[in-house]
Amino acid sequence: MMWVLLVLGGFALLLGIERTLYLHRGQIKAKAFIDGIKNILAKRRLVEALTVCEETPGPVAAVVKAALLHADDSAEAMRFHVQEAAVIELPALERRLGSIAAIAQVAPLVGLLGTVLGMVTTFLAFEQGGNYATAGALSAGMWQALLATAGSLMLAIPAHLAHHFLSGRVRAVVRDVEWSGNEIMKFLLTEYRVVKSGEVGAPGVDP
């Protein structure tokens, strides 16, 4: 059972590292990013804003890009495309978190199985030794049982902590996505269109 725990621990370590790097790469400073996009749009540089979104990784940039692509649409249409982009991006954030949670839950069961097998070894030593079972023969099974229990707990505790930490990072990114989507839509539907209509109606400027 210790080999099984080692394999599970290796998988948990790889998944934890991969998810940490992915979430770190996808989490940006949403407020600074939105402020930068607003400054670009205030200069009527929509293409430049789209380029910035394409070069910025993470779901926040993808949601903002969806809003910019439909900047001239109605509020309902813009909201639909923003929500569609979020639906596409957000499931990727939670990918493999279920596997880490499963390892954290299964590890104690594997340790329990190892403990039972260790006790079986102990009682087998009793049976084979009869009235003269040596302490060494009996302690071997007990040592195996305790080792399996300790190993399972040493795996389950960090796995639970990793799942809790990564879930918190996912919730933070989701909040950033929701805030960024609402903020960019509000800007596009108000200030951006006011500036655009002013430029179109200005003297000497062709509509």
C-alpha atoms as a PDB file:
ATOM      1  CA  MET A   1       0.000   0.000   0.000  1.00  0.00           C
ATOM      2  CA  MET A   2       2.943   2.354   0.488  1.00  0.00           C
ATOM      3  CA  TRP A   3       3.702   2.071  -3.214  1.00  0.00           C
ATOM      4  CA  VAL A   4       0.117   3.033  -3.973  1.00  0.00           C
ATOM      5  CA  LEU A   5       0.415   6.038  -1.665  1.00  0.00           C
ATOM      6  CA  LEU A   6       3.672   7.073  -3.329  1.00  0.00           C
ATOM      7  CA  VAL A   7       2.028   6.946  -6.759  1.00  0.00           C
ATOM      8  CA  LEU A   8      -0.940   8.974  -5.521  1.00  0.00           C
ATOM      9  CA  GLY A   9       1.417  11.455  -3.898  1.00  0.00           C
ATOM     10  CA  GLY A  10       3.319  11.878  -7.159  1.00  0.00           C
ATOM     11  CA  PHE A  11       0.108  12.546  -9.054  1.00  0.00           C
ATOM     12  CA  ALA A  12      -1.062  15.020  -6.411  1.00  0.00           C
ATOM     13  CA  LEU A  13       2.266  16.866  -6.547  1.00  0.00           C
ATOM     14  CA  LEU A  14       2.222  17.136 -10.334  1.00  0.00           C
ATOM     15  CA  LEU A  15      -1.407  18.281 -10.411  1.00  0.00           C
ATOM     16  CA  GLY A  16      -0.802  20.827  -7.661  1.00  0.00           C
ATOM     17  CA  ILE A  17       2.212  22.333  -9.416  1.00  0.00           C
ATOM     18  CA  GLU A  18       0.429  22.457 -12.769  1.00  0.00           C
ATOM     19  CA  ARG A  19      -2.688  24.119 -11.315  1.00  0.00           C
ATOM     20  CA  THR A  20      -0.632  26.616  -9.320  1.00  0.00           C
ATOM     21  CA  LEU A  21       1.327  27.700 -12.386  1.00  0.00           C
ATOM     22  CA  TYR A  22      -1.822  27.855 -14.531  1.00  0.00           C
ATOM     23  CA  LEU A  23      -3.738  29.984 -12.047  1.00  0.00           C
ATOM     24  CA  HIS A  24      -0.735  32.218 -11.430  1.00  0.00           C
ATOM     25  CA  ARG A  25      -0.403  32.820 -15.152  1.00  0.00           C
ATOM     26  CA  GLY A  26      -4.128  33.464 -15.578  1.00  0.00           C
ATOM     27  CA  GLN A  27      -4.570  35.806 -12.612  1.00  0.00           C
ATOM     28  CA  ILE A  28      -3.746  39.417 -13.429  1.00  0.00           C
ATOM     29  CA  LYS A  29      -4.371  42.730 -11.703  1.00  0.00           C
ATOM     30  CA  ALA A  30      -7.880  43.227 -13.005  1.00  0.00           C
ATOM     31  CA  LYS A  31      -8.286  46.851 -11.962  1.00  0.00           C
ATOM     32  CA  ALA A  32      -5.015  47.955 -13.533  1.00  0.00           C
ATOM     33  CA  PHE A  33      -5.852  46.015 -16.700  1.00  0.00           C
ATOM     34  CA  ILE A  34      -9.328  47.546 -17.006  1.00  0.00           C
ATOM     35  CA  ASP A  35      -7.974  51.032 -16.339  1.00  0.00           C
ATOM     36  CA  GLY A  36      -5.444  50.532 -19.124  1.00  0.00           C
ATOM     37  CA  ILE A  37      -8.132  49.358 -21.532  1.00  0.00           C
ATOM     38  CA  LYS A  38     -10.293  52.369 -20.649  1.00  0.00           C
ATOM     39  CA  ASN A  39      -7.409  54.748 -21.330  1.00  0.00           C
ATOM     40  CA  ILE A  40      -6.851  53.161 -24.727  1.00  0.00           C
ATOM     41  CA  LEU A  41     -10.552  53.315 -25.593  1.00  0.00           C
ATOM     42  CA  ALA A  42     -10.721  56.953 -24.508  1.00  0.00           C
ATOM     43  CA  LYS A  43      -8.291  57.646 -27.368  1.00  0.00           C
ATOM     44  CA  ARG A  44     -10.584  55.745 -29.774  1.00  0.00           C
ATOM     45  CA  ARG A  45      -8.041  52.957 -30.302  1.00  0.00           C
ATOM     46  CA  LEU A  46     -10.284  49.908 -30.289  1.00  0.00           C
ATOM     47  CA  VAL A  47      -7.891  47.773 -32.340  1.00  0.00           C
ATOM     48  CA  GLU A  48      -5.069  48.494 -29.917  1.00  0.00           C
ATOM     49  CA  ALA A  49      -7.288  47.505 -26.986  1.00  0.00           C
ATOM     50  CA  LEU A  50      -8.137  44.232 -28.729  1.00  0.00           C
ATOM     51  CA  THR A  51      -4.429  43.585 -29.317  1.00  0.00           C
ATOM     52  CA  VAL A  52      -3.697  44.117 -25.627  1.00  0.00           C
ATOM     53  CA  CYS A  53      -6.431  41.618 -24.733  1.00  0.00           C
ATOM     54  CA  GLU A  54      -5.044  39.037 -27.146  1.00  0.00           C
ATOM     55  CA  GLU A  55      -1.541  39.402 -25.701  1.00  0.00           C
ATOM     56  CA  THR A  56      -2.742  39.150 -22.098  1.00  0.00           C
ATOM     57  CA  PRO A  57      -3.319  35.597 -20.795  1.00  0.00           C
ATOM     58  CA  GLY A  58      -6.202  34.596 -18.593  1.00  0.00           C
ATOM     59  CA  PRO A  59     -10.004  34.661 -18.562  1.00  0.00           C
ATOM     60  CA  VAL A  60     -10.223  38.351 -17.618  1.00  0.00           C
ATOM     61  CA  ALA A  61      -8.670  39.403 -20.914  1.00  0.00           C
ATOM     62  CA  ALA A  62     -10.849  36.936 -22.837  1.00  0.00           C
ATOM     63  CA  VAL A  63     -14.040  38.349 -21.318  1.00  0.00           C
ATOM     64  CA  VAL A  64     -12.958  41.934 -21.958  1.00  0.00           C
ATOM     65  CA  LYS A  65     -12.085  41.029 -25.552  1.00  0.00           C
ATOM     66  CA  ALA A  66     -15.570  39.575 -26.045  1.00  0.00           C
ATOM     67  CA  ALA A  67     -17.088  42.853 -24.863  1.00  0.00           C
ATOM     68  CA  LEU A  68     -14.837  44.912 -27.151  1.00  0.00           C
ATOM     69  CA  LEU A  69     -15.706  42.808 -30.185  1.00  0.00           C
ATOM     70  CA  HIS A  70     -19.352  43.701 -29.602  1.00  0.00           C
ATOM     71  CA  ALA A  71     -18.863  47.272 -28.446  1.00  0.00           C
ATOM     72  CA  ASP A  72     -21.503  48.578 -30.871  1.00  0.00           C
ATOM     73  CA  ASP A  73     -24.125  45.943 -30.033  1.00  0.00           C
ATOM     74  CA  SER A  74     -27.059  46.377 -27.706  1.00  0.00           C
ATOM     75  CA  ALA A  75     -26.635  45.838 -23.977  1.00  0.00           C
ATOM     76  CA  GLU A  76     -28.398  42.463 -24.153  1.00  0.00           C
ATOM     77  CA  ALA A  77     -26.244  41.215 -27.027  1.00  0.00           C
ATOM     78  CA  MET A  78     -23.035  42.422 -25.392  1.00  0.00           C
ATOM     79  CA  ARG A  79     -23.975  40.771 -22.098  1.00  0.00           C
ATOM     80  CA  PHE A  80     -24.731  37.503 -23.904  1.00  0.00           C
ATOM     81  CA  HIS A  81     -21.321  37.394 -25.581  1.00  0.00           C
ATOM     82  CA  VAL A  82     -19.522  38.320 -22.355  1.00  0.00           C
ATOM     83  CA  GLN A  83     -21.319  35.543 -20.483  1.00  0.00           C
ATOM     84  CA  GLU A  84     -20.564  33.118 -23.308  1.00  0.00           C
ATOM     85  CA  ALA A  85     -16.854  33.939 -23.076  1.00  0.00           C
ATOM     86  CA  ALA A  86     -16.962  33.451 -19.301  1.00  0.00           C
ATOM     87  CA  VAL A  87     -18.690  30.072 -19.678  1.00  0.00           C
ATOM     88  CA  ILE A  88     -15.901  28.965 -22.009  1.00  0.00           C
ATOM     89  CA  GLU A  89     -13.053  30.226 -19.832  1.00  0.00           C
ATOM     90  CA  LEU A  90     -14.158  29.461 -16.271  1.00  0.00           C
ATOM     91  CA  PRO A  91     -14.409  25.633 -16.465  1.00  0.00           C
ATOM     92  CA  ALA A  92     -10.718  25.515 -17.348  1.00  0.00           C
ATOM     93  CA  LEU A  93      -9.934  27.090 -13.984  1.00  0.00           C
ATOM     94  CA  GLU A  94     -11.500  24.188 -12.067  1.00  0.00           C
ATOM     95  CA  ARG A  95      -9.946  21.484 -14.208  1.00  0.00           C
ATOM     96  CA  ARG A  96      -8.076  18.810 -12.222  1.00  0.00           C
ATOM     97  CA  LEU A  97      -9.136  20.221  -8.851  1.00  0.00           C
ATOM     98  CA  GLY A  98     -11.525  17.299  -8.531  1.00  0.00           C
ATOM     99  CA  SER A  99      -8.620  14.898  -8.992  1.00  0.00           C
ATOM    100  CA  ILE A 100      -6.701  16.523  -6.134  1.00  0.00           C
ATOM    101  CA  ALA A 101      -9.790  16.317  -3.918  1.00  0.00           C
ATOM    102  CA  ALA A 102     -10.245  12.656  -4.867  1.00  0.00           C
ATOM    103  CA  ILE A 103      -6.652  11.837  -3.911  1.00  0.00           C
ATOM    104  CA  ALA A 104      -7.126  13.588  -0.574  1.00  0.00           C
ATOM    105  CA  GLN A 105     -10.223  11.494   0.105  1.00  0.00           C
ATOM    106  CA  VAL A 106      -8.858   8.170  -1.152  1.00  0.00           C
ATOM    107  CA  ALA A 107      -5.482   8.348   0.611  1.00  0.00           C
ATOM    108  CA  PRO A 108      -6.900   7.619   4.119  1.00  0.00           C
ATOM    109  CA  LEU A 109      -8.824   4.661   2.702  1.00  0.00           C
ATOM    110  CA  VAL A 110      -5.648   3.282   1.153  1.00  0.00           C
ATOM    111  CA  GLY A 111      -3.906   3.773   4.499  1.00  0.00           C
ATOM    112  CA  LEU A 112      -6.752   1.983   6.259  1.00  0.00           C
ATOM    113  CA  LEU A 113      -6.384  -0.917   3.862  1.00  0.00           C
ATOM    114  CA  GLY A 114      -2.645  -1.009   4.591  1.00  0.00           C
ATOM    115  CA  THR A 115      -3.402  -0.982   8.323  1.00  0.00           C
ATOM    116  CA  VAL A 116      -5.773  -3.915   7.953  1.00  0.00           C
ATOM    117  CA  LEU A 117      -3.228  -5.845   5.926  1.00  0.00           C
ATOM    118  CA  GLY A 118      -0.603  -5.131   8.591  1.00  0.00           C
ATOM    119  CA  MET A 119      -2.921  -6.473  11.273  1.00  0.00           C
ATOM    120  CA  VAL A 120      -3.561  -9.539   9.132  1.00  0.00           C
ATOM    121  CA  THR A 121       0.212 -10.085   9.058  1.00  0.00           C
ATOM    122  CA  THR A 122       0.323  -9.750  12.845  1.00  0.00           C
ATOM    123  CA  PHE A 123      -2.402 -12.291  13.463  1.00  0.00           C
ATOM    124  CA  LEU A 124      -0.844 -14.617  10.908  1.00  0.00           C
ATOM    125  CA  ALA A 125       2.365 -14.466  12.947  1.00  0.00           C
ATOM    126  CA  PHE A 126       0.316 -15.344  16.044  1.00  0.00           C
ATOM    127  CA  GLU A 127      -1.149 -18.338  14.279  1.00  0.00           C
ATOM    128  CA  GLN A 128       2.143 -19.606  12.908  1.00  0.00           C
ATOM    129  CA  GLY A 129       4.074 -19.007  16.107  1.00  0.00           C
ATOM    130  CA  GLY A 130       1.516 -20.557  18.386  1.00  0.00           C
ATOM    131  CA  ASN A 131       2.371 -20.032  22.030  1.00  0.00           C
ATOM    132  CA  TYR A 132       5.935 -19.048  21.146  1.00  0.00           C
ATOM    133  CA  ALA A 133       5.431 -16.182  18.633  1.00  0.00           C
ATOM    134  CA  THR A 134       8.449 -13.916  18.812  1.00  0.00           C
ATOM    135  CA  ALA A 135       8.215 -10.199  19.393  1.00  0.00           C
ATOM    136  CA  GLY A 136       9.991  -9.546  16.098  1.00  0.00           C
ATOM    137  CA  ALA A 137       7.427 -11.497  14.116  1.00  0.00           C
ATOM    138  CA  LEU A 138       4.565  -9.663  15.799  1.00  0.00           C
ATOM    139  CA  SER A 139       6.100  -6.198  15.559  1.00  0.00           C
ATOM    140  CA  ALA A 140       6.637  -6.519  11.804  1.00  0.00           C
ATOM    141  CA  GLY A 141       2.894  -6.504  11.136  1.00  0.00           C
ATOM    142  CA  MET A 142       2.225  -3.735  13.622  1.00  0.00           C
ATOM    143  CA  TRP A 143       4.985  -1.631  12.072  1.00  0.00           C
ATOM    144  CA  GLN A 144       3.494  -2.092   8.616  1.00  0.00           C
ATOM    145  CA  ALA A 145       0.041  -1.127   9.891  1.00  0.00           C
ATOM    146  CA  LEU A 146       1.246   2.058  11.566  1.00  0.00           C
ATOM    147  CA  LEU A 147       3.427   2.984   8.592  1.00  0.00           C
ATOM    148  CA  ALA A 148       0.465   2.754   6.210  1.00  0.00           C
ATOM    149  CA  THR A 149      -1.651   4.930   8.502  1.00  0.00           C
ATOM    150  CA  ALA A 150       1.057   7.558   8.872  1.00  0.00           C
ATOM    151  CA  GLY A 151       1.788   7.591   5.138  1.00  0.00           C
ATOM    152  CA  SER A 152      -1.854   8.076   4.224  1.00  0.00           C
ATOM    153  CA  LEU A 153      -2.223  11.000   6.622  1.00  0.00           C
ATOM    154  CA  MET A 154       0.996  12.579   5.368  1.00  0.00           C
ATOM    155  CA  LEU A 155      -0.522  12.526   1.876  1.00  0.00           C
ATOM    156  CA  ALA A 156      -4.121  13.425   2.692  1.00  0.00           C
ATOM    157  CA  ILE A 157      -3.371  16.512   4.799  1.00  0.00           C
ATOM    158  CA  PRO A 158      -1.249  18.366   2.180  1.00  0.00           C
ATOM    159  CA  ALA A 159      -3.676  17.313  -0.561  1.00  0.00           C
ATOM    160  CA  HIS A 160      -6.609  18.810   1.351  1.00  0.00           C
ATOM    161  CA  LEU A 161      -4.646  21.999   1.955  1.00  0.00           C
ATOM    162  CA  ALA A 162      -3.646  22.209  -1.721  1.00  0.00           C
ATOM    163  CA  HIS A 163      -7.257  21.764  -2.821  1.00  0.00           C
ATOM    164  CA  HIS A 164      -8.416  24.468  -0.414  1.00  0.00           C
ATOM    165  CA  PHE A 165      -5.676  26.861  -1.582  1.00  0.00           C
ATOM    166  CA  LEU A 166      -6.328  26.268  -5.282  1.00  0.00           C
ATOM    167  CA  SER A 167     -10.094  26.590  -4.822  1.00  0.00           C
ATOM    168  CA  GLY A 168      -9.498  29.967  -3.200  1.00  0.00           C
ATOM    169  CA  ARG A 169      -7.397  31.060  -6.160  1.00  0.00           C
ATOM    170  CA  VAL A 170     -10.161  29.975  -8.531  1.00  0.00           C
ATOM    171  CA  ARG A 171     -12.761  31.957  -6.597  1.00  0.00           C
ATOM    172  CA  ALA A 172     -10.514  35.024  -6.747  1.00  0.00           C
ATOM    173  CA  VAL A 173     -10.165  34.728 -10.526  1.00  0.00           C
ATOM    174  CA  VAL A 174     -13.926  34.243 -10.911  1.00  0.00           C
ATOM    175  CA  ARG A 175     -14.567  37.423  -8.918  1.00  0.00           C
ATOM    176  CA  ASP A 176     -12.092  39.299 -11.132  1.00  0.00           C
ATOM    177  CA  VAL A 177     -13.832  38.002 -14.255  1.00  0.00           C
ATOM    178  CA  GLU A 178     -17.277  39.039 -13.009  1.00  0.00           C
ATOM    179  CA  TRP A 179     -16.081  42.488 -11.964  1.00  0.00           C
ATOM    180  CA  SER A 180     -14.118  43.053 -15.174  1.00  0.00           C
ATOM    181  CA  GLY A 181     -17.039  42.020 -17.379  1.00  0.00           C
ATOM    182  CA  ASN A 182     -19.458  44.333 -15.609  1.00  0.00           C
ATOM    183  CA  GLU A 183     -16.968  47.207 -15.540  1.00  0.00           C
ATOM    184  CA  ILE A 184     -16.061  47.059 -19.232  1.00  0.00           C
ATOM    185  CA  MET A 185     -19.701  46.716 -20.290  1.00  0.00           C
ATOM    186  CA  LYS A 186     -20.677  49.717 -18.187  1.00  0.00           C
ATOM    187  CA  PHE A 187     -17.873  51.750 -19.750  1.00  0.00           C
ATOM    188  CA  LEU A 188     -18.712  50.711 -23.303  1.00  0.00           C
ATOM    189  CA  LEU A 189     -22.408  51.423 -22.883  1.00  0.00           C
ATOM    190  CA  THR A 190     -21.886  54.871 -21.343  1.00  0.00           C
ATOM    191  CA  GLU A 191     -18.636  56.829 -21.647  1.00  0.00           C
ATOM    192  CA  TYR A 192     -17.326  55.067 -24.764  1.00  0.00           C
ATOM    193  CA  ARG A 193     -20.500  55.644 -26.752  1.00  0.00           C
ATOM    194  CA  VAL A 194     -20.769  59.239 -25.571  1.00  0.00           C
ATOM    195  CA  VAL A 195     -17.245  59.951 -26.808  1.00  0.00           C
ATOM    196  CA  LYS A 196     -17.940  58.134 -30.051  1.00  0.00           C
ATOM    197  CA  SER A 197     -21.192  59.973 -30.724  1.00  0.00           C
ATOM    198  CA  GLY A 198     -19.482  63.285 -29.930  1.00  0.00           C
ATOM    199  CA  GLU A 199     -16.744  62.583 -32.433  1.00  0.00           C
ATOM    200  CA  VAL A 200     -19.203  61.523 -35.119  1.00  0.00           C
ATOM    201  CA  GLY A 201     -21.319  64.627 -34.649  1.00  0.00           C
ATOM    202  CA  ALA A 202     -18.403  67.049 -34.356  1.00  0.00           C
ATOM    203  CA  PRO A 203     -18.032  69.707 -37.090  1.00  0.00           C
ATOM    204  CA  GLY A 204     -15.621  68.814 -39.844  1.00  0.00           C
ATOM    205  CA  VAL A 205     -15.588  65.141 -38.938  1.00  0.00           C
ATOM    206  CA  ASP A 206     -17.126  62.699 -41.369  1.00  0.00           C
ATOM    207  CA  PRO A 207     -19.520  60.271 -39.710  1.00  0.00           C
END
